[in-house]
């Protein structure tokens, strides 16, 4: 069941309200839903998010629902798949960049991939 939620001036598509993917993933706090989805879309290693509105908690999932991966009930959580979201949420250059980490736009307009540890980066042209 897909629902659309308006937040921060944009429309996000919730894949399954009241459920979460039972998966390990990086957790963020004090993050809005749109920001959570954008963070996932900028990362090559994120396929979906679990989002808890009640405490502004975001979990980036390295997988999505599929063979061997199922949702579990969580009445406070929305499960959102990256591939169902409007592409306008992030810069077009990051959409086309092959980035296993996080895609960030430099002031020059060139997308760069930066690891979370900030120990190294490389440029996609």
N, C-alpha and C. Protein backbone atom coordinates (compact mmCIF):
# COMPACT_ATOMS: atom_id res chain seq x y z
N UNK A 1 0.83 -1.18 0.00
CA UNK A 1 0.00 0.00 0.00
C UNK A 1 0.88 1.23 0.00
N UNK A 2 0.70 2.09 -1.00
CA UNK A 2 1.51 3.28 -1.09
C UNK A 2 0.68 4.50 -0.74
N UNK A 3 1.23 5.33 0.13
CA UNK A 3 0.61 6.58 0.53
C UNK A 3 1.54 7.72 0.17
N UNK A 4 0.98 8.89 -0.06
CA UNK A 4 1.80 10.07 -0.33
C UNK A 4 1.67 11.02 0.85
N UNK A 5 2.77 11.56 1.27
CA UNK A 5 2.78 12.51 2.37
C UNK A 5 3.48 13.77 1.90
N UNK A 6 2.88 14.88 2.18
CA UNK A 6 3.48 16.16 1.86
C UNK A 6 4.34 16.61 3.03
N UNK A 7 5.55 16.92 2.78
CA UNK A 7 6.43 17.44 3.84
C UNK A 7 7.45 18.37 3.22
N UNK A 8 7.70 19.48 3.87
CA UNK A 8 8.71 20.44 3.43
C UNK A 8 8.54 20.85 1.97
N UNK A 9 7.29 20.96 1.51
CA UNK A 9 7.05 21.44 0.16
C UNK A 9 7.17 20.38 -0.92
N UNK A 10 7.33 19.11 -0.59
CA UNK A 10 7.46 18.08 -1.60
C UNK A 10 6.58 16.90 -1.28
N UNK A 11 6.43 16.01 -2.20
CA UNK A 11 5.59 14.84 -2.03
C UNK A 11 6.44 13.59 -1.98
N UNK A 12 6.39 12.87 -0.85
CA UNK A 12 7.12 11.62 -0.70
C UNK A 12 6.13 10.47 -0.79
N UNK A 13 6.58 9.35 -1.29
CA UNK A 13 5.73 8.18 -1.41
C UNK A 13 6.12 7.15 -0.36
N UNK A 14 5.24 6.94 0.63
CA UNK A 14 5.47 5.93 1.65
C UNK A 14 5.09 4.58 1.07
N UNK A 15 6.01 3.64 1.10
CA UNK A 15 5.75 2.32 0.55
C UNK A 15 4.82 1.53 1.45
N UNK A 16 5.05 1.57 2.77
CA UNK A 16 4.19 0.83 3.70
C UNK A 16 4.20 1.52 5.06
N UNK A 17 3.08 2.15 5.40
CA UNK A 17 2.94 2.78 6.71
C UNK A 17 2.69 1.69 7.75
N UNK A 18 3.21 1.91 8.97
CA UNK A 18 3.00 0.96 10.05
C UNK A 18 3.87 -0.28 9.98
N UNK A 19 4.92 -0.22 9.17
CA UNK A 19 5.86 -1.34 9.03
C UNK A 19 7.28 -0.82 8.91
N UNK A 20 8.23 -1.70 9.18
CA UNK A 20 9.64 -1.38 9.00
C UNK A 20 10.34 -2.60 8.41
N UNK A 21 11.47 -2.33 7.79
CA UNK A 21 12.32 -3.41 7.31
C UNK A 21 13.20 -3.83 8.47
N UNK A 22 13.19 -5.10 8.80
CA UNK A 22 14.01 -5.60 9.90
C UNK A 22 15.42 -5.82 9.37
N UNK A 23 16.20 -4.77 9.40
CA UNK A 23 17.51 -4.77 8.77
C UNK A 23 18.45 -3.87 9.54
N UNK A 24 19.74 -4.22 9.59
CA UNK A 24 20.69 -3.29 10.21
C UNK A 24 20.91 -2.11 9.27
N UNK A 25 21.10 -0.97 9.83
CA UNK A 25 21.34 0.20 9.00
C UNK A 25 21.73 1.39 9.85
N UNK A 26 22.37 2.35 9.22
CA UNK A 26 22.81 3.55 9.92
C UNK A 26 21.60 4.34 10.41
N UNK A 27 21.65 4.81 11.65
CA UNK A 27 20.54 5.52 12.28
C UNK A 27 20.90 6.99 12.46
N UNK A 28 19.94 7.86 12.17
CA UNK A 28 20.08 9.30 12.39
C UNK A 28 18.93 9.76 13.28
N UNK A 29 19.18 10.76 14.11
CA UNK A 29 18.13 11.33 14.94
C UNK A 29 17.95 12.80 14.58
N UNK A 30 16.83 13.35 14.99
CA UNK A 30 16.49 14.76 14.73
C UNK A 30 16.57 15.08 13.24
N UNK A 31 15.97 14.22 12.42
CA UNK A 31 16.00 14.37 10.96
C UNK A 31 14.57 14.29 10.43
N UNK A 32 14.20 15.22 9.57
CA UNK A 32 12.88 15.19 8.95
C UNK A 32 12.77 14.07 7.93
N UNK A 33 11.54 13.72 7.57
CA UNK A 33 11.33 12.61 6.64
C UNK A 33 11.92 12.88 5.26
N UNK A 34 11.73 14.07 4.75
CA UNK A 34 12.28 14.40 3.43
C UNK A 34 13.81 14.37 3.44
N UNK A 35 14.40 14.88 4.51
CA UNK A 35 15.86 14.86 4.64
C UNK A 35 16.35 13.42 4.71
N UNK A 36 15.61 12.57 5.40
CA UNK A 36 15.96 11.16 5.52
C UNK A 36 15.98 10.49 4.15
N UNK A 37 14.93 10.72 3.37
CA UNK A 37 14.84 10.12 2.04
C UNK A 37 15.94 10.68 1.13
N UNK A 38 16.20 11.98 1.21
CA UNK A 38 17.29 12.57 0.41
C UNK A 38 18.63 11.93 0.75
N UNK A 39 18.87 11.72 2.03
CA UNK A 39 20.14 11.11 2.46
C UNK A 39 20.28 9.73 1.83
N UNK A 40 19.22 8.96 1.81
CA UNK A 40 19.24 7.64 1.18
C UNK A 40 19.50 7.75 -0.32
N UNK A 41 18.84 8.69 -0.97
CA UNK A 41 18.98 8.84 -2.42
C UNK A 41 20.38 9.25 -2.83
N UNK A 42 21.12 9.91 -1.94
CA UNK A 42 22.49 10.33 -2.25
C UNK A 42 23.49 9.20 -2.03
N UNK A 43 23.05 8.07 -1.50
CA UNK A 43 23.97 7.00 -1.15
C UNK A 43 23.76 5.76 -2.02
N UNK A 44 24.84 5.24 -2.52
CA UNK A 44 24.77 4.03 -3.34
C UNK A 44 24.48 2.79 -2.52
N UNK A 45 24.75 2.85 -1.21
CA UNK A 45 24.56 1.68 -0.36
C UNK A 45 23.23 1.70 0.39
N UNK A 46 22.29 2.56 -0.01
CA UNK A 46 20.98 2.66 0.64
C UNK A 46 19.88 2.36 -0.38
N UNK A 47 19.00 1.43 -0.05
CA UNK A 47 17.89 1.09 -0.94
C UNK A 47 16.53 1.45 -0.38
N UNK A 48 16.46 1.70 0.94
CA UNK A 48 15.19 2.06 1.57
C UNK A 48 15.46 2.69 2.92
N UNK A 49 14.40 3.26 3.52
CA UNK A 49 14.53 3.84 4.86
C UNK A 49 13.36 3.39 5.73
N UNK A 50 13.62 3.35 7.02
CA UNK A 50 12.60 3.25 8.05
C UNK A 50 12.56 4.62 8.69
N UNK A 51 11.35 5.19 8.84
CA UNK A 51 11.25 6.53 9.42
C UNK A 51 10.19 6.56 10.51
N UNK A 52 10.60 7.05 11.68
CA UNK A 52 9.71 7.20 12.83
C UNK A 52 9.43 8.69 13.03
N UNK A 53 8.24 9.15 12.66
CA UNK A 53 7.85 10.56 12.79
C UNK A 53 7.83 11.04 14.24
N UNK A 54 7.39 10.17 15.14
CA UNK A 54 7.20 10.57 16.54
C UNK A 54 8.48 11.08 17.18
N UNK A 55 9.62 10.55 16.78
CA UNK A 55 10.89 11.03 17.36
C UNK A 55 11.91 11.43 16.30
N UNK A 56 11.43 11.68 15.08
CA UNK A 56 12.29 12.15 13.98
C UNK A 56 13.52 11.27 13.79
N UNK A 57 13.30 9.97 13.80
CA UNK A 57 14.39 9.00 13.67
C UNK A 57 14.38 8.39 12.28
N UNK A 58 15.55 8.27 11.69
CA UNK A 58 15.73 7.78 10.33
C UNK A 58 16.74 6.64 10.32
N UNK A 59 16.39 5.54 9.67
CA UNK A 59 17.32 4.43 9.50
C UNK A 59 17.50 4.18 8.01
N UNK A 60 18.75 4.20 7.55
CA UNK A 60 19.07 3.91 6.16
C UNK A 60 19.29 2.40 6.03
N UNK A 61 18.55 1.78 5.13
CA UNK A 61 18.63 0.33 4.96
C UNK A 61 19.44 -0.05 3.72
N UNK A 62 20.35 -1.01 3.85
CA UNK A 62 21.14 -1.45 2.70
C UNK A 62 20.37 -2.42 1.80
N UNK A 63 19.09 -2.66 2.10
CA UNK A 63 18.28 -3.56 1.29
C UNK A 63 16.85 -3.04 1.21
N UNK A 64 16.06 -3.70 0.38
CA UNK A 64 14.63 -3.38 0.23
C UNK A 64 13.88 -4.70 0.30
N UNK A 65 12.56 -4.63 0.35
CA UNK A 65 11.74 -5.83 0.40
C UNK A 65 12.00 -6.67 -0.85
N UNK A 66 12.19 -7.94 -0.65
CA UNK A 66 12.44 -8.86 -1.76
C UNK A 66 12.60 -10.26 -1.21
N UNK A 67 13.11 -11.17 -2.03
CA UNK A 67 13.30 -12.55 -1.57
C UNK A 67 14.16 -12.60 -0.30
N UNK A 68 13.60 -13.17 0.76
CA UNK A 68 14.32 -13.30 2.02
C UNK A 68 14.34 -12.05 2.88
N UNK A 69 13.74 -10.96 2.41
CA UNK A 69 13.72 -9.71 3.16
C UNK A 69 12.27 -9.24 3.25
N UNK A 70 11.73 -9.21 4.46
CA UNK A 70 10.32 -8.87 4.64
C UNK A 70 10.13 -7.74 5.64
N UNK A 71 8.95 -7.14 5.60
CA UNK A 71 8.59 -6.10 6.56
C UNK A 71 8.02 -6.73 7.81
N UNK A 72 8.21 -6.02 8.92
CA UNK A 72 7.61 -6.42 10.19
C UNK A 72 6.77 -5.26 10.70
N UNK A 73 5.69 -5.55 11.41
CA UNK A 73 4.83 -4.48 11.92
C UNK A 73 5.55 -3.56 12.91
N UNK A 74 5.34 -2.27 12.75
CA UNK A 74 5.80 -1.25 13.69
C UNK A 74 4.88 -0.06 13.47
N UNK A 75 3.89 0.10 14.33
CA UNK A 75 2.84 1.10 14.13
C UNK A 75 3.35 2.53 14.06
N UNK A 76 4.55 2.80 14.56
CA UNK A 76 5.08 4.16 14.56
C UNK A 76 6.02 4.45 13.39
N UNK A 77 6.23 3.45 12.54
CA UNK A 77 7.24 3.57 11.49
C UNK A 77 6.62 3.59 10.09
N UNK A 78 7.26 4.32 9.18
CA UNK A 78 6.93 4.27 7.76
C UNK A 78 8.13 3.67 7.03
N UNK A 79 7.87 2.69 6.18
CA UNK A 79 8.91 2.09 5.33
C UNK A 79 8.82 2.76 3.97
N UNK A 80 9.95 3.26 3.47
CA UNK A 80 9.98 4.02 2.23
C UNK A 80 11.10 3.49 1.34
N UNK A 81 10.75 3.09 0.12
CA UNK A 81 11.77 2.60 -0.82
C UNK A 81 12.32 3.74 -1.67
N UNK A 82 13.61 3.72 -1.85
CA UNK A 82 14.32 4.75 -2.60
C UNK A 82 13.81 4.86 -4.04
N UNK A 83 13.59 3.73 -4.69
CA UNK A 83 13.24 3.74 -6.12
C UNK A 83 11.86 4.33 -6.41
N UNK A 84 11.02 4.51 -5.39
CA UNK A 84 9.67 5.05 -5.61
C UNK A 84 9.60 6.56 -5.43
N UNK A 85 10.70 7.20 -5.11
CA UNK A 85 10.70 8.62 -4.77
C UNK A 85 10.93 9.51 -5.99
N UNK A 86 10.40 10.74 -5.94
CA UNK A 86 10.62 11.69 -7.04
C UNK A 86 12.11 12.00 -7.19
N UNK A 87 12.61 11.92 -8.40
CA UNK A 87 14.03 12.15 -8.65
C UNK A 87 14.45 13.60 -8.37
N UNK A 88 13.48 14.51 -8.30
CA UNK A 88 13.79 15.92 -8.07
C UNK A 88 14.31 16.19 -6.65
N UNK A 89 14.25 15.19 -5.78
CA UNK A 89 14.69 15.39 -4.40
C UNK A 89 16.19 15.64 -4.28
N UNK A 90 16.95 15.17 -5.26
CA UNK A 90 18.40 15.41 -5.22
C UNK A 90 18.86 15.94 -6.57
N UNK A 91 20.06 16.49 -6.59
CA UNK A 91 20.64 17.06 -7.80
C UNK A 91 20.79 15.98 -8.87
N UNK A 92 20.47 16.30 -10.10
CA UNK A 92 20.50 15.34 -11.21
C UNK A 92 21.88 14.71 -11.38
N UNK A 93 22.95 15.46 -11.13
CA UNK A 93 24.29 14.91 -11.29
C UNK A 93 24.55 13.77 -10.30
N UNK A 94 23.95 13.85 -9.12
CA UNK A 94 24.12 12.77 -8.15
C UNK A 94 23.32 11.53 -8.57
N UNK A 95 22.23 11.73 -9.29
CA UNK A 95 21.45 10.59 -9.77
C UNK A 95 22.25 9.77 -10.77
N UNK A 96 23.04 10.45 -11.60
CA UNK A 96 23.79 9.75 -12.64
C UNK A 96 25.19 9.33 -12.19
N UNK A 97 25.63 9.80 -11.05
CA UNK A 97 26.96 9.45 -10.55
C UNK A 97 26.93 8.04 -9.93
N UNK A 98 27.96 7.29 -10.21
CA UNK A 98 28.10 5.97 -9.60
C UNK A 98 28.83 6.17 -8.27
N UNK A 99 28.09 6.14 -7.19
CA UNK A 99 28.63 6.52 -5.90
C UNK A 99 28.31 5.47 -4.84
N UNK A 100 29.30 4.72 -4.38
CA UNK A 100 29.03 3.73 -3.35
C UNK A 100 28.86 4.34 -1.96
N UNK A 101 29.25 5.59 -1.80
CA UNK A 101 29.13 6.27 -0.52
C UNK A 101 28.04 7.32 -0.61
N UNK A 102 28.34 8.56 -0.23
CA UNK A 102 27.37 9.64 -0.28
C UNK A 102 27.77 10.64 -1.35
N UNK A 103 26.85 10.95 -2.25
CA UNK A 103 27.10 11.92 -3.31
C UNK A 103 26.83 13.32 -2.78
N UNK A 104 27.80 14.20 -2.96
CA UNK A 104 27.67 15.60 -2.56
C UNK A 104 28.12 16.47 -3.72
N UNK A 105 27.41 17.55 -3.95
CA UNK A 105 27.79 18.46 -5.03
C UNK A 105 28.81 19.48 -4.53
N UNK A 106 29.91 19.61 -5.26
CA UNK A 106 30.90 20.64 -4.96
C UNK A 106 30.41 21.98 -5.50
N UNK A 107 31.01 23.07 -5.05
CA UNK A 107 30.60 24.39 -5.53
C UNK A 107 30.86 24.53 -7.03
N UNK A 108 31.76 23.71 -7.58
CA UNK A 108 32.06 23.72 -9.01
C UNK A 108 30.96 23.03 -9.81
N UNK A 109 30.02 22.36 -9.12
CA UNK A 109 28.96 21.64 -9.81
C UNK A 109 29.30 20.20 -10.12
N UNK A 110 30.47 19.75 -9.68
CA UNK A 110 30.90 18.38 -9.90
C UNK A 110 30.46 17.51 -8.73
N UNK A 111 29.83 16.37 -9.01
CA UNK A 111 29.46 15.48 -7.90
C UNK A 111 30.69 14.77 -7.36
N UNK A 112 30.76 14.61 -6.06
CA UNK A 112 31.85 13.88 -5.45
C UNK A 112 31.28 12.86 -4.48
N UNK A 113 31.96 11.73 -4.38
CA UNK A 113 31.56 10.70 -3.42
C UNK A 113 32.43 10.82 -2.19
N UNK A 114 31.80 10.91 -1.05
CA UNK A 114 32.53 11.07 0.21
C UNK A 114 32.11 9.96 1.16
N UNK A 115 33.09 9.30 1.77
CA UNK A 115 32.75 8.27 2.75
C UNK A 115 32.34 8.93 4.05
N UNK A 116 31.55 8.23 4.86
CA UNK A 116 31.11 8.78 6.13
C UNK A 116 32.28 9.06 7.06
N UNK A 117 33.34 8.30 6.93
CA UNK A 117 34.49 8.50 7.80
C UNK A 117 35.34 9.70 7.35
N UNK A 118 35.03 10.22 6.15
CA UNK A 118 35.76 11.36 5.60
C UNK A 118 37.25 11.07 5.44
N UNK A 119 37.61 9.79 5.30
CA UNK A 119 39.02 9.46 5.14
C UNK A 119 39.46 9.52 3.69
N UNK A 120 38.51 9.61 2.79
CA UNK A 120 38.89 9.70 1.39
C UNK A 120 37.67 10.00 0.54
N UNK A 121 37.93 10.49 -0.64
CA UNK A 121 36.83 10.73 -1.58
C UNK A 121 37.37 10.56 -2.98
N UNK A 122 36.46 10.45 -3.93
CA UNK A 122 36.87 10.43 -5.31
C UNK A 122 35.82 11.15 -6.13
N UNK A 123 36.19 11.57 -7.32
CA UNK A 123 35.30 12.37 -8.14
C UNK A 123 34.76 11.55 -9.29
N UNK A 124 33.48 11.73 -9.57
CA UNK A 124 32.85 11.16 -10.75
C UNK A 124 32.68 12.29 -11.76
N UNK A 125 33.04 12.05 -12.96
CA UNK A 125 32.90 13.09 -14.00
C UNK A 125 31.88 12.66 -15.01
